[in-house]
Amino acid sequence: MSTITAILEPDADGTLHLPLPEELRHGKVQVEATLQVVSQAATIETPARKDTPLEAFKALREMGGLRHVIPDPVAWQREQRMDRPLHGRD
């Protein structure tokens, strides 16, 4: 059993997404939640939350990057990219 404490921001559709530790990512997980409003002043400074984007990227690099989300960046980019037709080219 693991206890996770997190302050989450809801998505536009009102859903919350909880990142799970590696050992809980396989199989079913039972979740018990207590929801309460957190004031901006009470937010906890986490390692992923940095003052500048450069510091955030450095922290992401230290955590191992996004290899668990995007294992093949080249293939991912090809899937995401929407090429537009260029004038004079077929």
PDB file of N, CA and C in Angstrom:
ATOM      1  N   MET A   1       0.853  -1.180   0.000  1.00  0.00           N
ATOM      2  CA  MET A   1       0.000   0.000   0.000  1.00  0.00           C
ATOM      3  C   MET A   1       0.889   1.230   0.000  1.00  0.00           C
ATOM      4  N   SER A   2       0.543   2.211  -0.818  1.00  0.00           N
ATOM      5  CA  SER A   2       1.271   3.471  -0.888  1.00  0.00           C
ATOM      6  C   SER A   2       0.324   4.612  -0.577  1.00  0.00           C
ATOM      7  N   THR A   3       0.850   5.622   0.082  1.00  0.00           N
ATOM      8  CA  THR A   3       0.084   6.832   0.338  1.00  0.00           C
ATOM      9  C   THR A   3       0.685   7.943  -0.493  1.00  0.00           C
ATOM     10  N   ILE A   4      -0.161   8.586  -1.288  1.00  0.00           N
ATOM     11  CA  ILE A   4       0.290   9.679  -2.148  1.00  0.00           C
ATOM     12  C   ILE A   4      -0.447  10.938  -1.728  1.00  0.00           C
ATOM     13  N   THR A   5       0.279  12.009  -1.511  1.00  0.00           N
ATOM     14  CA  THR A   5      -0.317  13.307  -1.243  1.00  0.00           C
ATOM     15  C   THR A   5       0.013  14.195  -2.423  1.00  0.00           C
ATOM     16  N   ALA A   6      -1.016  14.768  -3.055  1.00  0.00           N
ATOM     17  CA  ALA A   6      -0.780  15.582  -4.239  1.00  0.00           C
ATOM     18  C   ALA A   6      -1.788  16.718  -4.292  1.00  0.00           C
ATOM     19  N   ILE A   7      -1.362  17.834  -4.825  1.00  0.00           N
ATOM     20  CA  ILE A   7      -2.259  18.949  -5.125  1.00  0.00           C
ATOM     21  C   ILE A   7      -2.380  18.977  -6.643  1.00  0.00           C
ATOM     22  N   LEU A   8      -3.587  18.751  -7.135  1.00  0.00           N
ATOM     23  CA  LEU A   8      -3.822  18.629  -8.566  1.00  0.00           C
ATOM     24  C   LEU A   8      -4.661  19.784  -9.070  1.00  0.00           C
ATOM     25  N   GLU A   9      -4.407  20.193 -10.302  1.00  0.00           N
ATOM     26  CA  GLU A   9      -5.244  21.195 -10.956  1.00  0.00           C
ATOM     27  C   GLU A   9      -6.164  20.466 -11.923  1.00  0.00           C
ATOM     28  N   PRO A  10      -7.469  20.717 -11.860  1.00  0.00           N
ATOM     29  CA  PRO A  10      -8.382  20.015 -12.761  1.00  0.00           C
ATOM     30  C   PRO A  10      -8.208  20.482 -14.202  1.00  0.00           C
ATOM     31  N   ASP A  11      -8.436  19.542 -15.136  1.00  0.00           N
ATOM     32  CA  ASP A  11      -8.439  19.883 -16.551  1.00  0.00           C
ATOM     33  C   ASP A  11      -9.702  20.683 -16.865  1.00  0.00           C
ATOM     34  N   ALA A  12      -9.778  21.194 -18.077  1.00  0.00           N
ATOM     35  CA  ALA A  12     -10.932  22.013 -18.475  1.00  0.00           C
ATOM     36  C   ALA A  12     -12.237  21.244 -18.369  1.00  0.00           C
ATOM     37  N   ASP A  13     -12.189  19.916 -18.556  1.00  0.00           N
ATOM     38  CA  ASP A  13     -13.415  19.122 -18.473  1.00  0.00           C
ATOM     39  C   ASP A  13     -13.744  18.704 -17.036  1.00  0.00           C
ATOM     40  N   GLY A  14     -12.934  19.148 -16.065  1.00  0.00           N
ATOM     41  CA  GLY A  14     -13.207  18.867 -14.659  1.00  0.00           C
ATOM     42  C   GLY A  14     -12.578  17.595 -14.139  1.00  0.00           C
ATOM     43  N   THR A  15     -11.781  16.910 -14.935  1.00  0.00           N
ATOM     44  CA  THR A  15     -11.150  15.687 -14.478  1.00  0.00           C
ATOM     45  C   THR A  15      -9.798  15.962 -13.840  1.00  0.00           C
ATOM     46  N   LEU A  16      -9.388  15.070 -12.964  1.00  0.00           N
ATOM     47  CA  LEU A  16      -8.068  15.129 -12.336  1.00  0.00           C
ATOM     48  C   LEU A  16      -7.261  13.925 -12.803  1.00  0.00           C
ATOM     49  N   HIS A  17      -5.977  14.117 -13.005  1.00  0.00           N
ATOM     50  CA  HIS A  17      -5.103  13.027 -13.445  1.00  0.00           C
ATOM     51  C   HIS A  17      -4.011  12.854 -12.395  1.00  0.00           C
ATOM     52  N   LEU A  18      -3.967  11.677 -11.821  1.00  0.00           N
ATOM     53  CA  LEU A  18      -3.032  11.380 -10.741  1.00  0.00           C
ATOM     54  C   LEU A  18      -1.868  10.562 -11.288  1.00  0.00           C
ATOM     55  N   PRO A  19      -0.650  11.108 -11.239  1.00  0.00           N
ATOM     56  CA  PRO A  19       0.499  10.309 -11.669  1.00  0.00           C
ATOM     57  C   PRO A  19       0.798   9.225 -10.645  1.00  0.00           C
ATOM     58  N   LEU A  20       0.978   8.009 -11.114  1.00  0.00           N
ATOM     59  CA  LEU A  20       1.220   6.879 -10.222  1.00  0.00           C
ATOM     60  C   LEU A  20       2.689   6.503 -10.190  1.00  0.00           C
ATOM     61  N   PRO A  21       3.157   6.017  -9.046  1.00  0.00           N
ATOM     62  CA  PRO A  21       4.511   5.488  -8.983  1.00  0.00           C
ATOM     63  C   PRO A  21       4.629   4.261  -9.891  1.00  0.00           C
ATOM     64  N   GLU A  22       5.826   3.972 -10.340  1.00  0.00           N
ATOM     65  CA  GLU A  22       6.074   2.877 -11.283  1.00  0.00           C
ATOM     66  C   GLU A  22       5.489   1.545 -10.795  1.00  0.00           C
ATOM     67  N   GLU A  23       5.618   1.253  -9.511  1.00  0.00           N
ATOM     68  CA  GLU A  23       5.166  -0.041  -9.008  1.00  0.00           C
ATOM     69  C   GLU A  23       3.647  -0.196  -9.009  1.00  0.00           C
ATOM     70  N   LEU A  24       2.891   0.882  -9.181  1.00  0.00           N
ATOM     71  CA  LEU A  24       1.424   0.802  -9.191  1.00  0.00           C
ATOM     72  C   LEU A  24       0.826   0.925 -10.593  1.00  0.00           C
ATOM     73  N   ARG A  25       1.654   0.970 -11.628  1.00  0.00           N
ATOM     74  CA  ARG A  25       1.154   1.214 -12.985  1.00  0.00           C
ATOM     75  C   ARG A  25       0.655  -0.038 -13.690  1.00  0.00           C
ATOM     76  N   HIS A  26       0.706  -1.169 -13.047  1.00  0.00           N
ATOM     77  CA  HIS A  26       0.276  -2.424 -13.683  1.00  0.00           C
ATOM     78  C   HIS A  26      -0.849  -3.012 -12.857  1.00  0.00           C
ATOM     79  N   GLY A  27      -1.987  -3.222 -13.459  1.00  0.00           N
ATOM     80  CA  GLY A  27      -3.122  -3.788 -12.750  1.00  0.00           C
ATOM     81  C   GLY A  27      -4.039  -2.709 -12.205  1.00  0.00           C
ATOM     82  N   LYS A  28      -4.980  -3.140 -11.411  1.00  0.00           N
ATOM     83  CA  LYS A  28      -5.971  -2.233 -10.845  1.00  0.00           C
ATOM     84  C   LYS A  28      -5.443  -1.581  -9.579  1.00  0.00           C
ATOM     85  N   VAL A  29      -5.928  -0.373  -9.318  1.00  0.00           N
ATOM     86  CA  VAL A  29      -5.518   0.393  -8.143  1.00  0.00           C
ATOM     87  C   VAL A  29      -6.770   0.907  -7.448  1.00  0.00           C
ATOM     88  N   GLN A  30      -6.871   0.672  -6.162  1.00  0.00           N
ATOM     89  CA  GLN A  30      -7.975   1.224  -5.390  1.00  0.00           C
ATOM     90  C   GLN A  30      -7.563   2.609  -4.916  1.00  0.00           C
ATOM     91  N   VAL A  31      -8.465   3.588  -5.076  1.00  0.00           N
ATOM     92  CA  VAL A  31      -8.163   4.970  -4.712  1.00  0.00           C
ATOM     93  C   VAL A  31      -9.207   5.463  -3.728  1.00  0.00           C
ATOM     94  N   GLU A  32      -8.755   6.074  -2.643  1.00  0.00           N
ATOM     95  CA  GLU A  32      -9.633   6.771  -1.719  1.00  0.00           C
ATOM     96  C   GLU A  32      -9.242   8.232  -1.782  1.00  0.00           C
ATOM     97  N   ALA A  33     -10.205   9.115  -2.031  1.00  0.00           N
ATOM     98  CA  ALA A  33      -9.875  10.531  -2.227  1.00  0.00           C
ATOM     99  C   ALA A  33     -10.650  11.410  -1.262  1.00  0.00           C
ATOM    100  N   THR A  34      -9.971  12.411  -0.759  1.00  0.00           N
ATOM    101  CA  THR A  34     -10.587  13.478   0.013  1.00  0.00           C
ATOM    102  C   THR A  34     -10.296  14.763  -0.735  1.00  0.00           C
ATOM    103  N   LEU A  35     -11.324  15.450  -1.171  1.00  0.00           N
ATOM    104  CA  LEU A  35     -11.150  16.663  -1.961  1.00  0.00           C
ATOM    105  C   LEU A  35     -11.408  17.881  -1.095  1.00  0.00           C
ATOM    106  N   GLN A  36     -10.495  18.828  -1.136  1.00  0.00           N
ATOM    107  CA  GLN A  36     -10.678  20.081  -0.427  1.00  0.00           C
ATOM    108  C   GLN A  36     -10.004  21.185  -1.222  1.00  0.00           C
ATOM    109  N   VAL A  37     -10.525  22.374  -1.124  1.00  0.00           N
ATOM    110  CA  VAL A  37      -9.984  23.525  -1.832  1.00  0.00           C
ATOM    111  C   VAL A  37      -8.674  23.935  -1.177  1.00  0.00           C
ATOM    112  N   VAL A  38      -7.681  24.242  -1.997  1.00  0.00           N
ATOM    113  CA  VAL A  38      -6.373  24.663  -1.504  1.00  0.00           C
ATOM    114  C   VAL A  38      -6.147  26.089  -1.981  1.00  0.00           C
ATOM    115  N   SER A  39      -5.802  26.957  -1.057  1.00  0.00           N
ATOM    116  CA  SER A  39      -5.542  28.341  -1.448  1.00  0.00           C
ATOM    117  C   SER A  39      -4.214  28.427  -2.173  1.00  0.00           C
ATOM    118  N   GLN A  40      -4.022  29.447  -2.990  1.00  0.00           N
ATOM    119  CA  GLN A  40      -2.784  29.636  -3.739  1.00  0.00           C
ATOM    120  C   GLN A  40      -1.589  29.776  -2.797  1.00  0.00           C
ATOM    121  N   ALA A  41      -1.784  30.393  -1.655  1.00  0.00           N
ATOM    122  CA  ALA A  41      -0.692  30.608  -0.705  1.00  0.00           C
ATOM    123  C   ALA A  41      -0.241  29.308  -0.061  1.00  0.00           C
ATOM    124  N   ALA A  42      -1.112  28.294  -0.044  1.00  0.00           N
ATOM    125  CA  ALA A  42      -0.792  27.043   0.630  1.00  0.00           C
ATOM    126  C   ALA A  42      -0.201  25.994  -0.302  1.00  0.00           C
ATOM    127  N   THR A  43       0.025  26.329  -1.561  1.00  0.00           N
ATOM    128  CA  THR A  43       0.572  25.327  -2.472  1.00  0.00           C
ATOM    129  C   THR A  43       1.984  24.951  -2.065  1.00  0.00           C
ATOM    130  N   ILE A  44       2.314  23.702  -2.280  1.00  0.00           N
ATOM    131  CA  ILE A  44       3.610  23.162  -1.886  1.00  0.00           C
ATOM    132  C   ILE A  44       4.573  23.275  -3.062  1.00  0.00           C
ATOM    133  N   GLU A  45       5.774  23.738  -2.787  1.00  0.00           N
ATOM    134  CA  GLU A  45       6.803  23.802  -3.820  1.00  0.00           C
ATOM    135  C   GLU A  45       7.323  22.391  -4.072  1.00  0.00           C
ATOM    136  N   THR A  46       7.169  21.891  -5.287  1.00  0.00           N
ATOM    137  CA  THR A  46       7.624  20.552  -5.631  1.00  0.00           C
ATOM    138  C   THR A  46       8.842  20.649  -6.528  1.00  0.00           C
ATOM    139  N   PRO A  47       9.619  19.579  -6.642  1.00  0.00           N
ATOM    140  CA  PRO A  47      10.789  19.629  -7.512  1.00  0.00           C
ATOM    141  C   PRO A  47      10.443  19.934  -8.963  1.00  0.00           C
ATOM    142  N   ALA A  48       9.247  19.534  -9.429  1.00  0.00           N
ATOM    143  CA  ALA A  48       8.879  19.782 -10.819  1.00  0.00           C
ATOM    144  C   ALA A  48       8.449  21.236 -11.032  1.00  0.00           C
ATOM    145  N   ARG A  49       8.132  21.939  -9.958  1.00  0.00           N
ATOM    146  CA  ARG A  49       7.680  23.322 -10.088  1.00  0.00           C
ATOM    147  C   ARG A  49       8.861  24.245  -9.815  1.00  0.00           C
ATOM    148  N   LYS A  50       9.332  24.884 -10.859  1.00  0.00           N
ATOM    149  CA  LYS A  50      10.508  25.735 -10.757  1.00  0.00           C
ATOM    150  C   LYS A  50      10.154  27.157 -11.177  1.00  0.00           C
ATOM    151  N   ASP A  51      11.067  28.086 -10.883  1.00  0.00           N
ATOM    152  CA  ASP A  51      10.821  29.493 -11.184  1.00  0.00           C
ATOM    153  C   ASP A  51      10.914  29.804 -12.676  1.00  0.00           C
ATOM    154  N   THR A  52      11.775  29.120 -13.399  1.00  0.00           N
ATOM    155  CA  THR A  52      11.933  29.403 -14.825  1.00  0.00           C
ATOM    156  C   THR A  52      11.764  28.115 -15.618  1.00  0.00           C
ATOM    157  N   PRO A  53      11.389  28.229 -16.877  1.00  0.00           N
ATOM    158  CA  PRO A  53      11.272  27.024 -17.711  1.00  0.00           C
ATOM    159  C   PRO A  53      12.596  26.261 -17.814  1.00  0.00           C
ATOM    160  N   LEU A  54      13.713  26.965 -17.848  1.00  0.00           N
ATOM    161  CA  LEU A  54      15.008  26.297 -17.936  1.00  0.00           C
ATOM    162  C   LEU A  54      15.245  25.405 -16.720  1.00  0.00           C
ATOM    163  N   GLU A  55      14.907  25.885 -15.522  1.00  0.00           N
ATOM    164  CA  GLU A  55      15.057  25.078 -14.315  1.00  0.00           C
ATOM    165  C   GLU A  55      14.117  23.877 -14.347  1.00  0.00           C
ATOM    166  N   ALA A  56      12.921  24.066 -14.883  1.00  0.00           N
ATOM    167  CA  ALA A  56      11.973  22.959 -14.997  1.00  0.00           C
ATOM    168  C   ALA A  56      12.508  21.904 -15.959  1.00  0.00           C
ATOM    169  N   PHE A  57      13.108  22.316 -17.078  1.00  0.00           N
ATOM    170  CA  PHE A  57      13.683  21.359 -18.017  1.00  0.00           C
ATOM    171  C   PHE A  57      14.860  20.612 -17.396  1.00  0.00           C
ATOM    172  N   LYS A  58      15.669  21.309 -16.606  1.00  0.00           N
ATOM    173  CA  LYS A  58      16.782  20.649 -15.922  1.00  0.00           C
ATOM    174  C   LYS A  58      16.255  19.583 -14.957  1.00  0.00           C
ATOM    175  N   ALA A  59      15.196  19.913 -14.222  1.00  0.00           N
ATOM    176  CA  ALA A  59      14.613  18.947 -13.288  1.00  0.00           C
ATOM    177  C   ALA A  59      14.033  17.754 -14.039  1.00  0.00           C
ATOM    178  N   LEU A  60      13.403  18.014 -15.179  1.00  0.00           N
ATOM    179  CA  LEU A  60      12.848  16.936 -15.991  1.00  0.00           C
ATOM    180  C   LEU A  60      13.964  16.020 -16.497  1.00  0.00           C
ATOM    181  N   ARG A  61      15.075  16.604 -16.915  1.00  0.00           N
ATOM    182  CA  ARG A  61      16.217  15.818 -17.378  1.00  0.00           C
ATOM    183  C   ARG A  61      16.755  14.940 -16.249  1.00  0.00           C
ATOM    184  N   GLU A  62      16.834  15.489 -15.028  1.00  0.00           N
ATOM    185  CA  GLU A  62      17.317  14.723 -13.884  1.00  0.00           C
ATOM    186  C   GLU A  62      16.400  13.546 -13.560  1.00  0.00           C
ATOM    187  N   MET A  63      15.096  13.707 -13.813  1.00  0.00           N
ATOM    188  CA  MET A  63      14.140  12.631 -13.536  1.00  0.00           C
ATOM    189  C   MET A  63      14.143  11.567 -14.633  1.00  0.00           C
ATOM    190  N   GLY A  64      14.867  11.788 -15.700  1.00  0.00           N
ATOM    191  CA  GLY A  64      14.930  10.786 -16.766  1.00  0.00           C
ATOM    192  C   GLY A  64      14.156  11.184 -18.002  1.00  0.00           C
ATOM    193  N   GLY A  65      13.676  12.406 -18.073  1.00  0.00           N
ATOM    194  CA  GLY A  65      12.986  12.878 -19.268  1.00  0.00           C
ATOM    195  C   GLY A  65      11.600  12.293 -19.428  1.00  0.00           C
ATOM    196  N   LEU A  66      11.177  12.212 -20.669  1.00  0.00           N
ATOM    197  CA  LEU A  66       9.837  11.723 -20.983  1.00  0.00           C
ATOM    198  C   LEU A  66       9.878  10.387 -21.710  1.00  0.00           C
ATOM    199  N   ARG A  67      10.928   9.610 -21.511  1.00  0.00           N
ATOM    200  CA  ARG A  67      11.065   8.340 -22.224  1.00  0.00           C
ATOM    201  C   ARG A  67       9.919   7.383 -21.916  1.00  0.00           C
ATOM    202  N   HIS A  68       9.331   7.461 -20.728  1.00  0.00           N
ATOM    203  CA  HIS A  68       8.214   6.584 -20.401  1.00  0.00           C
ATOM    204  C   HIS A  68       6.927   7.022 -21.100  1.00  0.00           C
ATOM    205  N   VAL A  69       6.845   8.285 -21.529  1.00  0.00           N
ATOM    206  CA  VAL A  69       5.663   8.800 -22.218  1.00  0.00           C
ATOM    207  C   VAL A  69       5.847   8.721 -23.732  1.00  0.00           C
ATOM    208  N   ILE A  70       7.030   9.125 -24.219  1.00  0.00           N
ATOM    209  CA  ILE A  70       7.320   9.137 -25.652  1.00  0.00           C
ATOM    210  C   ILE A  70       8.604   8.328 -25.868  1.00  0.00           C
ATOM    211  N   PRO A  71       8.476   7.000 -26.033  1.00  0.00           N
ATOM    212  CA  PRO A  71       9.676   6.187 -26.167  1.00  0.00           C
ATOM    213  C   PRO A  71      10.451   6.445 -27.455  1.00  0.00           C
ATOM    214  N   ASP A  72       9.769   6.786 -28.557  1.00  0.00           N
ATOM    215  CA  ASP A  72      10.432   7.055 -29.835  1.00  0.00           C
ATOM    216  C   ASP A  72      10.015   8.445 -30.313  1.00  0.00           C
ATOM    217  N   PRO A  73      10.795   9.485 -29.992  1.00  0.00           N
ATOM    218  CA  PRO A  73      10.407  10.854 -30.339  1.00  0.00           C
ATOM    219  C   PRO A  73      10.248  11.092 -31.837  1.00  0.00           C
ATOM    220  N   VAL A  74      11.054  10.440 -32.657  1.00  0.00           N
ATOM    221  CA  VAL A  74      10.963  10.639 -34.109  1.00  0.00           C
ATOM    222  C   VAL A  74       9.631  10.118 -34.631  1.00  0.00           C
ATOM    223  N   ALA A  75       9.248   8.919 -34.218  1.00  0.00           N
ATOM    224  CA  ALA A  75       7.963   8.357 -34.640  1.00  0.00           C
ATOM    225  C   ALA A  75       6.807   9.198 -34.110  1.00  0.00           C
ATOM    226  N   TRP A  76       6.928   9.653 -32.865  1.00  0.00           N
ATOM    227  CA  TRP A  76       5.870  10.492 -32.275  1.00  0.00           C
ATOM    228  C   TRP A  76       5.694  11.774 -33.078  1.00  0.00           C
ATOM    229  N   GLN A  77       6.805  12.413 -33.456  1.00  0.00           N
ATOM    230  CA  GLN A  77       6.726  13.661 -34.219  1.00  0.00           C
ATOM    231  C   GLN A  77       6.068  13.426 -35.570  1.00  0.00           C
ATOM    232  N   ARG A  78       6.397  12.322 -36.220  1.00  0.00           N
ATOM    233  CA  ARG A  78       5.778  12.018 -37.520  1.00  0.00           C
ATOM    234  C   ARG A  78       4.271  11.820 -37.381  1.00  0.00           C
ATOM    235  N   GLU A  79       3.849  11.200 -36.283  1.00  0.00           N
ATOM    236  CA  GLU A  79       2.418  11.002 -36.042  1.00  0.00           C
ATOM    237  C   GLU A  79       1.716  12.328 -35.769  1.00  0.00           C
ATOM    238  N   GLN A  80       2.374  13.237 -35.049  1.00  0.00           N
ATOM    239  CA  GLN A  80       1.759  14.491 -34.640  1.00  0.00           C
ATOM    240  C   GLN A  80       1.741  15.541 -35.745  1.00  0.00           C
ATOM    241  N   ARG A  81       2.777  15.528 -36.571  1.00  0.00           N
ATOM    242  CA  ARG A  81       2.952  16.580 -37.565  1.00  0.00           C
ATOM    243  C   ARG A  81       1.861  16.502 -38.618  1.00  0.00           C
ATOM    244  N   MET A  82       1.321  17.642 -38.966  1.00  0.00           N
ATOM    245  CA  MET A  82       0.341  17.735 -40.038  1.00  0.00           C
ATOM    246  C   MET A  82       0.954  18.595 -41.130  1.00  0.00           C
ATOM    247  N   ASP A  83       1.550  17.926 -42.118  1.00  0.00           N
ATOM    248  CA  ASP A  83       2.168  18.659 -43.214  1.00  0.00           C
ATOM    249  C   ASP A  83       1.090  19.348 -44.040  1.00  0.00           C
ATOM    250  N   ARG A  84       1.443  20.499 -44.521  1.00  0.00           N
ATOM    251  CA  ARG A  84       0.523  21.234 -45.397  1.00  0.00           C
ATOM    252  C   ARG A  84       1.126  21.248 -46.789  1.00  0.00           C
ATOM    253  N   PRO A  85       0.286  21.270 -47.799  1.00  0.00           N
ATOM    254  CA  PRO A  85       0.817  21.282 -49.169  1.00  0.00           C
ATOM    255  C   PRO A  85       1.548  22.599 -49.443  1.00  0.00           C
ATOM    256  N   LEU A  86       2.706  22.506 -50.054  1.00  0.00           N
ATOM    257  CA  LEU A  86       3.476  23.685 -50.409  1.00  0.00           C
ATOM    258  C   LEU A  86       3.236  24.042 -51.859  1.00  0.00           C
ATOM    259  N   HIS A  87       3.145  25.312 -52.150  1.00  0.00           N
ATOM    260  CA  HIS A  87       2.873  25.804 -53.488  1.00  0.00           C
ATOM    261  C   HIS A  87       3.964  25.342 -54.453  1.00  0.00           C
ATOM    262  N   GLY A  88       3.565  24.756 -55.573  1.00  0.00           N
ATOM    263  CA  GLY A  88       4.523  24.331 -56.590  1.00  0.00           C
ATOM    264  C   GLY A  88       5.145  22.985 -56.334  1.00  0.00           C
ATOM    265  N   ARG A  89       4.716  22.266 -55.294  1.00  0.00           N
ATOM    266  CA  ARG A  89       5.259  20.939 -55.011  1.00  0.00           C
ATOM    267  C   ARG A  89       4.133  19.931 -54.968  1.00  0.00           C
ATOM    268  N   ASP A  90       4.417  18.747 -55.447  1.00  0.00           N
ATOM    269  CA  ASP A  90       3.374  17.715 -55.461  1.00  0.00           C
ATOM    270  C   ASP A  90       3.497  16.792 -54.298  1.00  0.00           C
TER     271      ASP A  90
END
